[in-house]
Amino acid sequence: MKKQFTHKFVELMPPSLEENVLYISIECVVAIHLCACGCGSKTITPLAPSGWHLKFDGEKVSLNPSIGNWNFPCRSHYWIRDNHFVFIDDNRKNIKIELRNERKKKKRKKKLIPLIKEFITKKKK
């Protein structure tokens, strides 16, 4: 199932959030939205090389990896792709596979950070 949303680039997050709006703050390095299922829970996605990253093509936004609201009563799980929330079926086997793959990717990215820092440091010398 897909559900369309809009996005807003903001410096600071507004005191109240609108449904179906992804708020993006480059200054605060975070994207925030109300849970896509409609439960109203605030979903915070800090942007980082080893965490969520944002893709903006000038019109639409996507976030990777998927959003898994496991601590919310709704336990919703979805992707944010091209200004759509794309819900993932609550099939436990598929979720475990997705999470395992996301953890592996995150570990690989974390291993790259010291190498990138070392490369940048050497370039400056």
PDB file of N, CA and C in Angstrom:
ATOM      1  N   MET A   1       0.838  -1.179   0.000  1.00  0.00           N
ATOM      2  CA  MET A   1       0.000   0.000   0.000  1.00  0.00           C
ATOM      3  C   MET A   1       0.885   1.245   0.000  1.00  0.00           C
ATOM      4  N   LYS A   2       0.498   2.251  -0.769  1.00  0.00           N
ATOM      5  CA  LYS A   2       1.233   3.518  -0.840  1.00  0.00           C
ATOM      6  C   LYS A   2       0.346   4.651  -0.348  1.00  0.00           C
ATOM      7  N   LYS A   3       0.999   5.646   0.224  1.00  0.00           N
ATOM      8  CA  LYS A   3       0.293   6.836   0.695  1.00  0.00           C
ATOM      9  C   LYS A   3       1.180   8.035   0.381  1.00  0.00           C
ATOM     10  N   GLN A   4       0.648   9.015  -0.332  1.00  0.00           N
ATOM     11  CA  GLN A   4       1.442  10.174  -0.750  1.00  0.00           C
ATOM     12  C   GLN A   4       1.609  11.175   0.390  1.00  0.00           C
ATOM     13  N   PHE A   5       2.751  11.873   0.391  1.00  0.00           N
ATOM     14  CA  PHE A   5       2.999  12.934   1.365  1.00  0.00           C
ATOM     15  C   PHE A   5       3.716  14.079   0.673  1.00  0.00           C
ATOM     16  N   THR A   6       3.810  15.202   1.364  1.00  0.00           N
ATOM     17  CA  THR A   6       4.598  16.332   0.874  1.00  0.00           C
ATOM     18  C   THR A   6       5.789  16.502   1.809  1.00  0.00           C
ATOM     19  N   HIS A   7       6.732  17.303   1.388  1.00  0.00           N
ATOM     20  CA  HIS A   7       7.896  17.563   2.246  1.00  0.00           C
ATOM     21  C   HIS A   7       8.094  19.070   2.366  1.00  0.00           C
ATOM     22  N   LYS A   8       8.695  19.455   3.494  1.00  0.00           N
ATOM     23  CA  LYS A   8       9.020  20.865   3.724  1.00  0.00           C
ATOM     24  C   LYS A   8      10.425  20.937   4.295  1.00  0.00           C
ATOM     25  N   PHE A   9      11.266  21.752   3.671  1.00  0.00           N
ATOM     26  CA  PHE A   9      12.585  22.022   4.232  1.00  0.00           C
ATOM     27  C   PHE A   9      12.421  23.172   5.218  1.00  0.00           C
ATOM     28  N   VAL A  10      12.875  22.963   6.455  1.00  0.00           N
ATOM     29  CA  VAL A  10      12.728  23.967   7.511  1.00  0.00           C
ATOM     30  C   VAL A  10      14.052  24.113   8.253  1.00  0.00           C
ATOM     31  N   GLU A  11      14.268  25.284   8.867  1.00  0.00           N
ATOM     32  CA  GLU A  11      15.451  25.442   9.721  1.00  0.00           C
ATOM     33  C   GLU A  11      15.217  24.736  11.043  1.00  0.00           C
ATOM     34  N   LEU A  12      14.090  25.069  11.674  1.00  0.00           N
ATOM     35  CA  LEU A  12      13.712  24.462  12.954  1.00  0.00           C
ATOM     36  C   LEU A  12      12.367  23.770  12.787  1.00  0.00           C
ATOM     37  N   MET A  13      12.152  22.744  13.583  1.00  0.00           N
ATOM     38  CA  MET A  13      10.894  22.012  13.496  1.00  0.00           C
ATOM     39  C   MET A  13       9.760  22.851  14.088  1.00  0.00           C
ATOM     40  N   PRO A  14       8.595  22.831  13.445  1.00  0.00           N
ATOM     41  CA  PRO A  14       7.457  23.584  13.978  1.00  0.00           C
ATOM     42  C   PRO A  14       6.946  22.934  15.272  1.00  0.00           C
ATOM     43  N   PRO A  15       6.264  23.707  16.122  1.00  0.00           N
ATOM     44  CA  PRO A  15       5.767  23.146  17.381  1.00  0.00           C
ATOM     45  C   PRO A  15       4.733  22.031  17.181  1.00  0.00           C
ATOM     46  N   SER A  16       3.936  22.132  16.126  1.00  0.00           N
ATOM     47  CA  SER A  16       2.996  21.045  15.831  1.00  0.00           C
ATOM     48  C   SER A  16       3.213  20.598  14.386  1.00  0.00           C
ATOM     49  N   LEU A  17       3.105  19.295  14.187  1.00  0.00           N
ATOM     50  CA  LEU A  17       3.353  18.708  12.869  1.00  0.00           C
ATOM     51  C   LEU A  17       2.035  18.390  12.176  1.00  0.00           C
ATOM     52  N   GLU A  18       2.036  18.524  10.852  1.00  0.00           N
ATOM     53  CA  GLU A  18       0.870  18.167  10.047  1.00  0.00           C
ATOM     54  C   GLU A  18       1.008  16.719   9.595  1.00  0.00           C
ATOM     55  N   GLU A  19      -0.121  16.038   9.430  1.00  0.00           N
ATOM     56  CA  GLU A  19      -0.098  14.682   8.894  1.00  0.00           C
ATOM     57  C   GLU A  19       0.350  14.710   7.441  1.00  0.00           C
ATOM     58  N   ASN A  20       1.009  13.650   7.021  1.00  0.00           N
ATOM     59  CA  ASN A  20       1.457  13.467   5.635  1.00  0.00           C
ATOM     60  C   ASN A  20       2.414  14.555   5.158  1.00  0.00           C
ATOM     61  N   VAL A  21       3.218  15.083   6.093  1.00  0.00           N
ATOM     62  CA  VAL A  21       4.264  16.048   5.752  1.00  0.00           C
ATOM     63  C   VAL A  21       5.561  15.560   6.380  1.00  0.00           C
ATOM     64  N   LEU A  22       6.612  15.469   5.577  1.00  0.00           N
ATOM     65  CA  LEU A  22       7.948  15.133   6.066  1.00  0.00           C
ATOM     66  C   LEU A  22       8.711  16.447   6.204  1.00  0.00           C
ATOM     67  N   TYR A  23       9.077  16.789   7.436  1.00  0.00           N
ATOM     68  CA  TYR A  23       9.826  18.018   7.716  1.00  0.00           C
ATOM     69  C   TYR A  23      11.306  17.667   7.719  1.00  0.00           C
ATOM     70  N   ILE A  24      12.093  18.414   6.959  1.00  0.00           N
ATOM     71  CA  ILE A  24      13.520  18.138   6.827  1.00  0.00           C
ATOM     72  C   ILE A  24      14.296  19.372   7.254  1.00  0.00           C
ATOM     73  N   SER A  25      15.199  19.188   8.211  1.00  0.00           N
ATOM     74  CA  SER A  25      16.068  20.281   8.639  1.00  0.00           C
ATOM     75  C   SER A  25      17.509  19.886   8.350  1.00  0.00           C
ATOM     76  N   ILE A  26      18.090  20.527   7.351  1.00  0.00           N
ATOM     77  CA  ILE A  26      19.494  20.278   7.025  1.00  0.00           C
ATOM     78  C   ILE A  26      20.362  20.799   8.165  1.00  0.00           C
ATOM     79  N   GLU A  27      19.987  21.952   8.728  1.00  0.00           N
ATOM     80  CA  GLU A  27      20.751  22.553   9.825  1.00  0.00           C
ATOM     81  C   GLU A  27      20.812  21.634  11.042  1.00  0.00           C
ATOM     82  N   CYS A  28      19.690  20.975  11.359  1.00  0.00           N
ATOM     83  CA  CYS A  28      19.626  20.077  12.525  1.00  0.00           C
ATOM     84  C   CYS A  28      19.929  18.627  12.155  1.00  0.00           C
ATOM     85  N   VAL A  29      20.135  18.365  10.881  1.00  0.00           N
ATOM     86  CA  VAL A  29      20.474  17.036  10.354  1.00  0.00           C
ATOM     87  C   VAL A  29      19.440  15.991  10.799  1.00  0.00           C
ATOM     88  N   VAL A  30      18.166  16.289  10.519  1.00  0.00           N
ATOM     89  CA  VAL A  30      17.094  15.391  10.947  1.00  0.00           C
ATOM     90  C   VAL A  30      15.879  15.544  10.032  1.00  0.00           C
ATOM     91  N   ALA A  31      15.102  14.480   9.935  1.00  0.00           N
ATOM     92  CA  ALA A  31      13.801  14.519   9.262  1.00  0.00           C
ATOM     93  C   ALA A  31      12.775  14.002  10.266  1.00  0.00           C
ATOM     94  N   ILE A  32      11.631  14.664  10.340  1.00  0.00           N
ATOM     95  CA  ILE A  32      10.597  14.298  11.310  1.00  0.00           C
ATOM     96  C   ILE A  32       9.241  14.293  10.603  1.00  0.00           C
ATOM     97  N   HIS A  33       8.409  13.327  10.975  1.00  0.00           N
ATOM     98  CA  HIS A  33       7.044  13.273  10.456  1.00  0.00           C
ATOM     99  C   HIS A  33       6.159  12.549  11.464  1.00  0.00           C
ATOM    100  N   LEU A  34       4.859  12.698  11.299  1.00  0.00           N
ATOM    101  CA  LEU A  34       3.924  11.911  12.093  1.00  0.00           C
ATOM    102  C   LEU A  34       3.833  10.537  11.447  1.00  0.00           C
ATOM    103  N   CYS A  35       3.765   9.508  12.267  1.00  0.00           N
ATOM    104  CA  CYS A  35       3.751   8.132  11.770  1.00  0.00           C
ATOM    105  C   CYS A  35       2.784   7.995  10.599  1.00  0.00           C
ATOM    106  N   ALA A  36       3.233   7.308   9.565  1.00  0.00           N
ATOM    107  CA  ALA A  36       2.464   7.186   8.329  1.00  0.00           C
ATOM    108  C   ALA A  36       1.169   6.399   8.501  1.00  0.00           C
ATOM    109  N   CYS A  37       1.056   5.601   9.574  1.00  0.00           N
ATOM    110  CA  CYS A  37      -0.161   4.804   9.771  1.00  0.00           C
ATOM    111  C   CYS A  37      -1.332   5.664  10.216  1.00  0.00           C
ATOM    112  N   GLY A  38      -1.042   6.893  10.687  1.00  0.00           N
ATOM    113  CA  GLY A  38      -2.102   7.783  11.138  1.00  0.00           C
ATOM    114  C   GLY A  38      -2.298   7.802  12.642  1.00  0.00           C
ATOM    115  N   CYS A  39      -1.447   7.079  13.396  1.00  0.00           N
ATOM    116  CA  CYS A  39      -1.605   7.030  14.856  1.00  0.00           C
ATOM    117  C   CYS A  39      -1.215   8.345  15.531  1.00  0.00           C
ATOM    118  N   GLY A  40      -0.484   9.220  14.817  1.00  0.00           N
ATOM    119  CA  GLY A  40      -0.124  10.528  15.357  1.00  0.00           C
ATOM    120  C   GLY A  40       1.189  10.578  16.112  1.00  0.00           C
ATOM    121  N   SER A  41       1.898   9.453  16.211  1.00  0.00           N
ATOM    122  CA  SER A  41       3.187   9.437  16.913  1.00  0.00           C
ATOM    123  C   SER A  41       4.255  10.147  16.092  1.00  0.00           C
ATOM    124  N   LYS A  42       5.091  10.930  16.769  1.00  0.00           N
ATOM    125  CA  LYS A  42       6.163  11.662  16.096  1.00  0.00           C
ATOM    126  C   LYS A  42       7.305  10.693  15.774  1.00  0.00           C
ATOM    127  N   THR A  43       7.699  10.632  14.512  1.00  0.00           N
ATOM    128  CA  THR A  43       8.773   9.755  14.056  1.00  0.00           C
ATOM    129  C   THR A  43       9.980  10.620  13.713  1.00  0.00           C
ATOM    130  N   ILE A  44      11.077  10.399  14.435  1.00  0.00           N
ATOM    131  CA  ILE A  44      12.298  11.192  14.262  1.00  0.00           C
ATOM    132  C   ILE A  44      13.346  10.327  13.588  1.00  0.00           C
ATOM    133  N   THR A  45      13.892  10.822  12.485  1.00  0.00           N
ATOM    134  CA  THR A  45      14.925  10.089  11.762  1.00  0.00           C
ATOM    135  C   THR A  45      16.163  10.971  11.629  1.00  0.00           C
ATOM    136  N   PRO A  46      17.149  10.785  12.535  1.00  0.00           N
ATOM    137  CA  PRO A  46      18.390  11.551  12.425  1.00  0.00           C
ATOM    138  C   PRO A  46      19.146  11.125  11.165  1.00  0.00           C
ATOM    139  N   LEU A  47      19.634  12.089  10.431  1.00  0.00           N
ATOM    140  CA  LEU A  47      20.368  11.801   9.198  1.00  0.00           C
ATOM    141  C   LEU A  47      21.846  11.645   9.529  1.00  0.00           C
ATOM    142  N   ALA A  48      22.441  10.544   9.075  1.00  0.00           N
ATOM    143  CA  ALA A  48      23.850  10.275   9.366  1.00  0.00           C
ATOM    144  C   ALA A  48      24.375   9.248   8.370  1.00  0.00           C
ATOM    145  N   PRO A  49      25.695   9.238   8.130  1.00  0.00           N
ATOM    146  CA  PRO A  49      26.257   8.263   7.193  1.00  0.00           C
ATOM    147  C   PRO A  49      25.940   6.812   7.568  1.00  0.00           C
ATOM    148  N   SER A  50      25.878   6.522   8.876  1.00  0.00           N
ATOM    149  CA  SER A  50      25.591   5.149   9.286  1.00  0.00           C
ATOM    150  C   SER A  50      24.127   4.966   9.689  1.00  0.00           C
ATOM    151  N   GLY A  51      23.297   5.972   9.447  1.00  0.00           N
ATOM    152  CA  GLY A  51      21.874   5.882   9.782  1.00  0.00           C
ATOM    153  C   GLY A  51      21.030   6.187   8.573  1.00  0.00           C
ATOM    154  N   TRP A  52      20.010   7.006   8.758  1.00  0.00           N
ATOM    155  CA  TRP A  52      19.145   7.363   7.637  1.00  0.00           C
ATOM    156  C   TRP A  52      19.836   8.387   6.756  1.00  0.00           C
ATOM    157  N   HIS A  53      19.632   8.251   5.462  1.00  0.00           N
ATOM    158  CA  HIS A  53      20.133   9.272   4.551  1.00  0.00           C
ATOM    159  C   HIS A  53      19.009   9.686   3.603  1.00  0.00           C
ATOM    160  N   LEU A  54      19.091  10.928   3.213  1.00  0.00           N
ATOM    161  CA  LEU A  54      18.047  11.583   2.440  1.00  0.00           C
ATOM    162  C   LEU A  54      18.471  11.702   0.985  1.00  0.00           C
ATOM    163  N   LYS A  55      17.523  11.437   0.097  1.00  0.00           N
ATOM    164  CA  LYS A  55      17.749  11.659  -1.331  1.00  0.00           C
ATOM    165  C   LYS A  55      16.690  12.668  -1.782  1.00  0.00           C
ATOM    166  N   PHE A  56      17.141  13.747  -2.402  1.00  0.00           N
ATOM    167  CA  PHE A  56      16.239  14.777  -2.909  1.00  0.00           C
ATOM    168  C   PHE A  56      16.603  15.029  -4.359  1.00  0.00           C
ATOM    169  N   ASP A  57      15.648  14.824  -5.270  1.00  0.00           N
ATOM    170  CA  ASP A  57      15.936  14.981  -6.698  1.00  0.00           C
ATOM    171  C   ASP A  57      15.482  16.332  -7.249  1.00  0.00           C
ATOM    172  N   GLY A  58      15.168  17.265  -6.352  1.00  0.00           N
ATOM    173  CA  GLY A  58      14.678  18.567  -6.778  1.00  0.00           C
ATOM    174  C   GLY A  58      13.163  18.666  -6.689  1.00  0.00           C
ATOM    175  N   GLU A  59      12.492  17.519  -6.656  1.00  0.00           N
ATOM    176  CA  GLU A  59      11.032  17.482  -6.543  1.00  0.00           C
ATOM    177  C   GLU A  59      10.559  16.542  -5.442  1.00  0.00           C
ATOM    178  N   LYS A  60      11.161  15.352  -5.381  1.00  0.00           N
ATOM    179  CA  LYS A  60      10.698  14.319  -4.450  1.00  0.00           C
ATOM    180  C   LYS A  60      11.818  13.916  -3.506  1.00  0.00           C
ATOM    181  N   VAL A  61      11.416  13.390  -2.337  1.00  0.00           N
ATOM    182  CA  VAL A  61      12.395  12.923  -1.357  1.00  0.00           C
ATOM    183  C   VAL A  61      12.192  11.439  -1.070  1.00  0.00           C
ATOM    184  N   SER A  62      13.300  10.804  -0.690  1.00  0.00           N
ATOM    185  CA  SER A  62      13.298   9.418  -0.228  1.00  0.00           C
ATOM    186  C   SER A  62      14.218   9.341   0.971  1.00  0.00           C
ATOM    187  N   LEU A  63      13.931   8.420   1.877  1.00  0.00           N
ATOM    188  CA  LEU A  63      14.785   8.165   3.039  1.00  0.00           C
ATOM    189  C   LEU A  63      15.159   6.695   3.044  1.00  0.00           C
ATOM    190  N   ASN A  64      16.388   6.415   3.395  1.00  0.00           N
ATOM    191  CA  ASN A  64      16.858   5.036   3.553  1.00  0.00           C
ATOM    192  C   ASN A  64      17.582   4.925   4.865  1.00  0.00           C
ATOM    193  N   PRO A  65      17.514   3.842   5.578  1.00  0.00           N
ATOM    194  CA  PRO A  65      16.748   2.626   5.325  1.00  0.00           C
ATOM    195  C   PRO A  65      15.271   2.817   5.676  1.00  0.00           C
ATOM    196  N   SER A  66      14.544   1.719   5.771  1.00  0.00           N
ATOM    197  CA  SER A  66      13.112   1.778   6.075  1.00  0.00           C
ATOM    198  C   SER A  66      12.872   2.323   7.481  1.00  0.00           C
ATOM    199  N   ILE A  67      11.647   2.739   7.721  1.00  0.00           N
ATOM    200  CA  ILE A  67      11.231   3.236   9.033  1.00  0.00           C
ATOM    201  C   ILE A  67      10.501   2.095   9.738  1.00  0.00           C
ATOM    202  N   GLY A  68      11.018   1.679  10.870  1.00  0.00           N
ATOM    203  CA  GLY A  68      10.376   0.628  11.668  1.00  0.00           C
ATOM    204  C   GLY A  68      10.001   1.204  13.021  1.00  0.00           C
ATOM    205  N   ASN A  69       8.747   1.505  13.209  1.00  0.00           N
ATOM    206  CA  ASN A  69       8.285   2.105  14.465  1.00  0.00           C
ATOM    207  C   ASN A  69       7.933   1.014  15.476  1.00  0.00           C
ATOM    208  N   TRP A  70       8.929   0.221  15.841  1.00  0.00           N
ATOM    209  CA  TRP A  70       8.718  -0.952  16.701  1.00  0.00           C
ATOM    210  C   TRP A  70       8.296  -0.569  18.110  1.00  0.00           C
ATOM    211  N   ASN A  71       8.652   0.635  18.575  1.00  0.00           N
ATOM    212  CA  ASN A  71       8.302   1.055  19.933  1.00  0.00           C
ATOM    213  C   ASN A  71       6.938   1.736  20.020  1.00  0.00           C
ATOM    214  N   PHE A  72       6.297   1.952  18.892  1.00  0.00           N
ATOM    215  CA  PHE A  72       4.966   2.548  18.890  1.00  0.00           C
ATOM    216  C   PHE A  72       3.923   1.431  18.998  1.00  0.00           C
ATOM    217  N   PRO A  73       2.746   1.739  19.541  1.00  0.00           N
ATOM    218  CA  PRO A  73       1.695   0.704  19.596  1.00  0.00           C
ATOM    219  C   PRO A  73       1.342   0.147  18.212  1.00  0.00           C
ATOM    220  N   CYS A  74       1.440   0.980  17.171  1.00  0.00           N
ATOM    221  CA  CYS A  74       1.076   0.543  15.815  1.00  0.00           C
ATOM    222  C   CYS A  74       2.105  -0.404  15.198  1.00  0.00           C
ATOM    223  N   ARG A  75       3.365  -0.302  15.650  1.00  0.00           N
ATOM    224  CA  ARG A  75       4.478  -1.108  15.126  1.00  0.00           C
ATOM    225  C   ARG A  75       4.547  -1.052  13.589  1.00  0.00           C
ATOM    226  N   SER A  76       4.273   0.113  13.022  1.00  0.00           N
ATOM    227  CA  SER A  76       4.265   0.253  11.561  1.00  0.00           C
ATOM    228  C   SER A  76       5.678   0.164  10.992  1.00  0.00           C
ATOM    229  N   HIS A  77       5.745  -0.268   9.754  1.00  0.00           N
ATOM    230  CA  HIS A  77       7.017  -0.444   9.054  1.00  0.00           C
ATOM    231  C   HIS A  77       6.800  -0.023   7.605  1.00  0.00           C
ATOM    232  N   TYR A  78       7.603   0.922   7.135  1.00  0.00           N
ATOM    233  CA  TYR A  78       7.399   1.437   5.784  1.00  0.00           C
ATOM    234  C   TYR A  78       8.681   2.073   5.249  1.00  0.00           C
ATOM    235  N   TRP A  79       8.701   2.221   3.944  1.00  0.00           N
ATOM    236  CA  TRP A  79       9.759   2.950   3.253  1.00  0.00           C
ATOM    237  C   TRP A  79       9.235   4.344   2.954  1.00  0.00           C
ATOM    238  N   ILE A  80      10.139   5.285   2.804  1.00  0.00           N
ATOM    239  CA  ILE A  80       9.789   6.612   2.301  1.00  0.00           C
ATOM    240  C   ILE A  80      10.477   6.729   0.946  1.00  0.00           C
ATOM    241  N   ARG A  81       9.669   6.663  -0.112  1.00  0.00           N
ATOM    242  CA  ARG A  81      10.179   6.633  -1.474  1.00  0.00           C
ATOM    243  C   ARG A  81       9.437   7.637  -2.355  1.00  0.00           C
ATOM    244  N   ASP A  82      10.182   8.545  -2.967  1.00  0.00           N
ATOM    245  CA  ASP A  82       9.609   9.470  -3.958  1.00  0.00           C
ATOM    246  C   ASP A  82       8.280  10.078  -3.490  1.00  0.00           C
ATOM    247  N   ASN A  83       8.307  10.672  -2.287  1.00  0.00           N
ATOM    248  CA  ASN A  83       7.138  11.326  -1.688  1.00  0.00           C
ATOM    249  C   ASN A  83       5.952  10.379  -1.467  1.00  0.00           C
ATOM    250  N   HIS A  84       6.258   9.115  -1.188  1.00  0.00           N
ATOM    251  CA  HIS A  84       5.236   8.135  -0.826  1.00  0.00           C
ATOM    252  C   HIS A  84       5.705   7.341   0.384  1.00  0.00           C
ATOM    253  N   PHE A  85       4.780   7.050   1.281  1.00  0.00           N
ATOM    254  CA  PHE A  85       5.016   6.062   2.321  1.00  0.00           C
ATOM    255  C   PHE A  85       4.631   4.729   1.686  1.00  0.00           C
ATOM    256  N   VAL A  86       5.553   3.797   1.643  1.00  0.00           N
ATOM    257  CA  VAL A  86       5.287   2.481   1.060  1.00  0.00           C
ATOM    258  C   VAL A  86       5.314   1.472   2.202  1.00  0.00           C
ATOM    259  N   PHE A  87       4.143   0.983   2.577  1.00  0.00           N
ATOM    260  CA  PHE A  87       4.030   0.104   3.734  1.00  0.00           C
ATOM    261  C   PHE A  87       4.534  -1.296   3.415  1.00  0.00           C
ATOM    262  N   ILE A  88       5.194  -1.881   4.403  1.00  0.00           N
ATOM    263  CA  ILE A  88       5.734  -3.231   4.281  1.00  0.00           C
ATOM    264  C   ILE A  88       4.792  -4.153   5.044  1.00  0.00           C
ATOM    265  N   ASP A  89       4.415  -5.270   4.416  1.00  0.00           N
ATOM    266  CA  ASP A  89       3.551  -6.238   5.097  1.00  0.00           C
ATOM    267  C   ASP A  89       4.195  -6.682   6.392  1.00  0.00           C
ATOM    268  N   ASP A  90       3.389  -6.918   7.388  1.00  0.00           N
ATOM    269  CA  ASP A  90       3.896  -7.325   8.699  1.00  0.00           C
ATOM    270  C   ASP A  90       4.164  -8.829   8.724  1.00  0.00           C
ATOM    271  N   ASN A  91       4.918  -9.272   7.762  1.00  0.00           N
ATOM    272  CA  ASN A  91       5.322 -10.672   7.690  1.00  0.00           C
ATOM    273  C   ASN A  91       6.630 -10.790   8.462  1.00  0.00           C
ATOM    274  N   ARG A  92       6.610 -11.475   9.586  1.00  0.00           N
ATOM    275  CA  ARG A  92       7.770 -11.532  10.493  1.00  0.00           C
ATOM    276  C   ARG A  92       9.047 -11.989   9.789  1.00  0.00           C
ATOM    277  N   LYS A  93       8.950 -12.953   8.907  1.00  0.00           N
ATOM    278  CA  LYS A  93      10.146 -13.458   8.224  1.00  0.00           C
ATOM    279  C   LYS A  93      10.765 -12.366   7.349  1.00  0.00           C
ATOM    280  N   ASN A  94       9.916 -11.680   6.580  1.00  0.00           N
ATOM    281  CA  ASN A  94      10.426 -10.615   5.716  1.00  0.00           C
ATOM    282  C   ASN A  94      11.015  -9.473   6.526  1.00  0.00           C
ATOM    283  N   ILE A  95      10.370  -9.130   7.641  1.00  0.00           N
ATOM    284  CA  ILE A  95      10.875  -8.055   8.487  1.00  0.00           C
ATOM    285  C   ILE A  95      12.248  -8.418   9.033  1.00  0.00           C
ATOM    286  N   LYS A  96      12.407  -9.659   9.493  1.00  0.00           N
ATOM    287  CA  LYS A  96      13.700 -10.096  10.029  1.00  0.00           C
ATOM    288  C   LYS A  96      14.783 -10.022   8.957  1.00  0.00           C
ATOM    289  N   ILE A  97      14.445 -10.429   7.747  1.00  0.00           N
ATOM    290  CA  ILE A  97      15.414 -10.367   6.644  1.00  0.00           C
ATOM    291  C   ILE A  97      15.779  -8.917   6.349  1.00  0.00           C
ATOM    292  N   GLU A  98      14.769  -8.038   6.252  1.00  0.00           N
ATOM    293  CA  GLU A  98      15.016  -6.613   5.992  1.00  0.00           C
ATOM    294  C   GLU A  98      15.904  -6.011   7.075  1.00  0.00           C
ATOM    295  N   LEU A  99      15.566  -6.289   8.344  1.00  0.00           N
ATOM    296  CA  LEU A  99      16.339  -5.726   9.453  1.00  0.00           C
ATOM    297  C   LEU A  99      17.768  -6.248   9.450  1.00  0.00           C
ATOM    298  N   ARG A 100      17.935  -7.530   9.189  1.00  0.00           N
ATOM    299  CA  ARG A 100      19.278  -8.106   9.133  1.00  0.00           C
ATOM    300  C   ARG A 100      20.092  -7.436   8.022  1.00  0.00           C
ATOM    301  N   ASN A 101      19.481  -7.256   6.848  1.00  0.00           N
ATOM    302  CA  ASN A 101      20.178  -6.594   5.742  1.00  0.00           C
ATOM    303  C   ASN A 101      20.528  -5.150   6.087  1.00  0.00           C
ATOM    304  N   GLU A 102      19.604  -4.440   6.745  1.00  0.00           N
ATOM    305  CA  GLU A 102      19.864  -3.051   7.127  1.00  0.00           C
ATOM    306  C   GLU A 102      20.990  -2.972   8.152  1.00  0.00           C
ATOM    307  N   ARG A 103      21.013  -3.925   9.115  1.00  0.00           N
ATOM    308  CA  ARG A 103      22.092  -3.939  10.115  1.00  0.00           C
ATOM    309  C   ARG A 103      23.444  -4.188   9.449  1.00  0.00           C
ATOM    310  N   LYS A 104      23.471  -5.109   8.489  1.00  0.00           N
ATOM    311  CA  LYS A 104      24.724  -5.397   7.778  1.00  0.00           C
ATOM    312  C   LYS A 104      25.215  -4.155   7.039  1.00  0.00           C
ATOM    313  N   LYS A 105      24.310  -3.460   6.352  1.00  0.00           N
ATOM    314  CA  LYS A 105      24.684  -2.238   5.634  1.00  0.00           C
ATOM    315  C   LYS A 105      25.211  -1.188   6.599  1.00  0.00           C
ATOM    316  N   LYS A 106      24.544  -1.054   7.739  1.00  0.00           N
ATOM    317  CA  LYS A 106      24.944  -0.068   8.740  1.00  0.00           C
ATOM    318  C   LYS A 106      26.344  -0.384   9.268  1.00  0.00           C
ATOM    319  N   LYS A 107      26.633  -1.668   9.530  1.00  0.00           N
ATOM    320  CA  LYS A 107      27.960  -2.068  10.010  1.00  0.00           C
ATOM    321  C   LYS A 107      29.028  -1.748   8.967  1.00  0.00           C
ATOM    322  N   ARG A 108      28.716  -2.031   7.695  1.00  0.00           N
ATOM    323  CA  ARG A 108      29.687  -1.734   6.629  1.00  0.00           C
ATOM    324  C   ARG A 108      29.967  -0.234   6.558  1.00  0.00           C
ATOM    325  N   LYS A 109      28.918   0.584   6.680  1.00  0.00           N
ATOM    326  CA  LYS A 109      29.099   2.036   6.638  1.00  0.00           C
ATOM    327  C   LYS A 109      29.915   2.521   7.825  1.00  0.00           C
ATOM    328  N   LYS A 110      29.656   1.954   9.013  1.00  0.00           N
ATOM    329  CA  LYS A 110      30.409   2.354  10.207  1.00  0.00           C
ATOM    330  C   LYS A 110      31.889   2.041  10.045  1.00  0.00           C
ATOM    331  N   LYS A 111      32.200   0.926   9.386  1.00  0.00           N
ATOM    332  CA  LYS A 111      33.600   0.559   9.163  1.00  0.00           C
ATOM    333  C   LYS A 111      34.280   1.537   8.207  1.00  0.00           C
ATOM    334  N   LEU A 112      33.510   2.130   7.311  1.00  0.00           N
ATOM    335  CA  LEU A 112      34.073   3.060   6.331  1.00  0.00           C
ATOM    336  C   LEU A 112      34.393   4.430   6.920  1.00  0.00           C
ATOM    337  N   ILE A 113      33.684   4.832   7.964  1.00  0.00           N
ATOM    338  CA  ILE A 113      33.856   6.180   8.522  1.00  0.00           C
ATOM    339  C   ILE A 113      35.294   6.464   8.931  1.00  0.00           C
ATOM    340  N   PRO A 114      35.977   5.577   9.705  1.00  0.00           N
ATOM    341  CA  PRO A 114      37.375   5.865  10.055  1.00  0.00           C
ATOM    342  C   PRO A 114      38.280   5.945   8.823  1.00  0.00           C
ATOM    343  N   LEU A 115      38.010   5.112   7.818  1.00  0.00           N
ATOM    344  CA  LEU A 115      38.819   5.144   6.595  1.00  0.00           C
ATOM    345  C   LEU A 115      38.636   6.468   5.851  1.00  0.00           C
ATOM    346  N   ILE A 116      37.402   6.943   5.801  1.00  0.00           N
ATOM    347  CA  ILE A 116      37.121   8.219   5.136  1.00  0.00           C
ATOM    348  C   ILE A 116      37.792   9.361   5.891  1.00  0.00           C
ATOM    349  N   LYS A 117      37.688   9.332   7.227  1.00  0.00           N
ATOM    350  CA  LYS A 117      38.330  10.375   8.038  1.00  0.00           C
ATOM    351  C   LYS A 117      39.839  10.363   7.829  1.00  0.00           C
ATOM    352  N   GLU A 118      40.422   9.174   7.784  1.00  0.00           N
ATOM    353  CA  GLU A 118      41.866   9.051   7.565  1.00  0.00           C
ATOM    354  C   GLU A 118      42.242   9.602   6.192  1.00  0.00           C
ATOM    355  N   PHE A 119      41.450   9.272   5.176  1.00  0.00           N
ATOM    356  CA  PHE A 119      41.699   9.752   3.825  1.00  0.00           C
ATOM    357  C   PHE A 119      41.642  11.275   3.776  1.00  0.00           C
ATOM    358  N   ILE A 120      40.621  11.859   4.409  1.00  0.00           N
ATOM    359  CA  ILE A 120      40.469  13.318   4.418  1.00  0.00           C
ATOM    360  C   ILE A 120      41.643  13.969   5.133  1.00  0.00           C
ATOM    361  N   THR A 121      42.060  13.396   6.250  1.00  0.00           N
ATOM    362  CA  THR A 121      43.194  13.931   7.010  1.00  0.00           C
ATOM    363  C   THR A 121      44.464  13.908   6.167  1.00  0.00           C
ATOM    364  N   LYS A 122      44.697  12.815   5.447  1.00  0.00           N
ATOM    365  CA  LYS A 122      45.886  12.710   4.591  1.00  0.00           C
ATOM    366  C   LYS A 122      45.836  13.719   3.455  1.00  0.00           C
ATOM    367  N   LYS A 123      44.637  13.947   2.902  1.00  0.00           N
ATOM    368  CA  LYS A 123      44.483  14.908   1.807  1.00  0.00           C
ATOM    369  C   LYS A 123      44.832  16.324   2.251  1.00  0.00           C
ATOM    370  N   LYS A 124      44.510  16.654   3.512  1.00  0.00           N
ATOM    371  CA  LYS A 124      44.759  18.003   4.027  1.00  0.00           C
ATOM    372  C   LYS A 124      46.246  18.265   4.223  1.00  0.00           C
ATOM    373  N   LYS A 125      47.029  17.212   4.432  1.00  0.00           N
ATOM    374  CA  LYS A 125      48.472  17.388   4.702  1.00  0.00           C
ATOM    375  C   LYS A 125      49.248  17.711   3.465  1.00  0.00           C
TER     376      LYS A 125
END
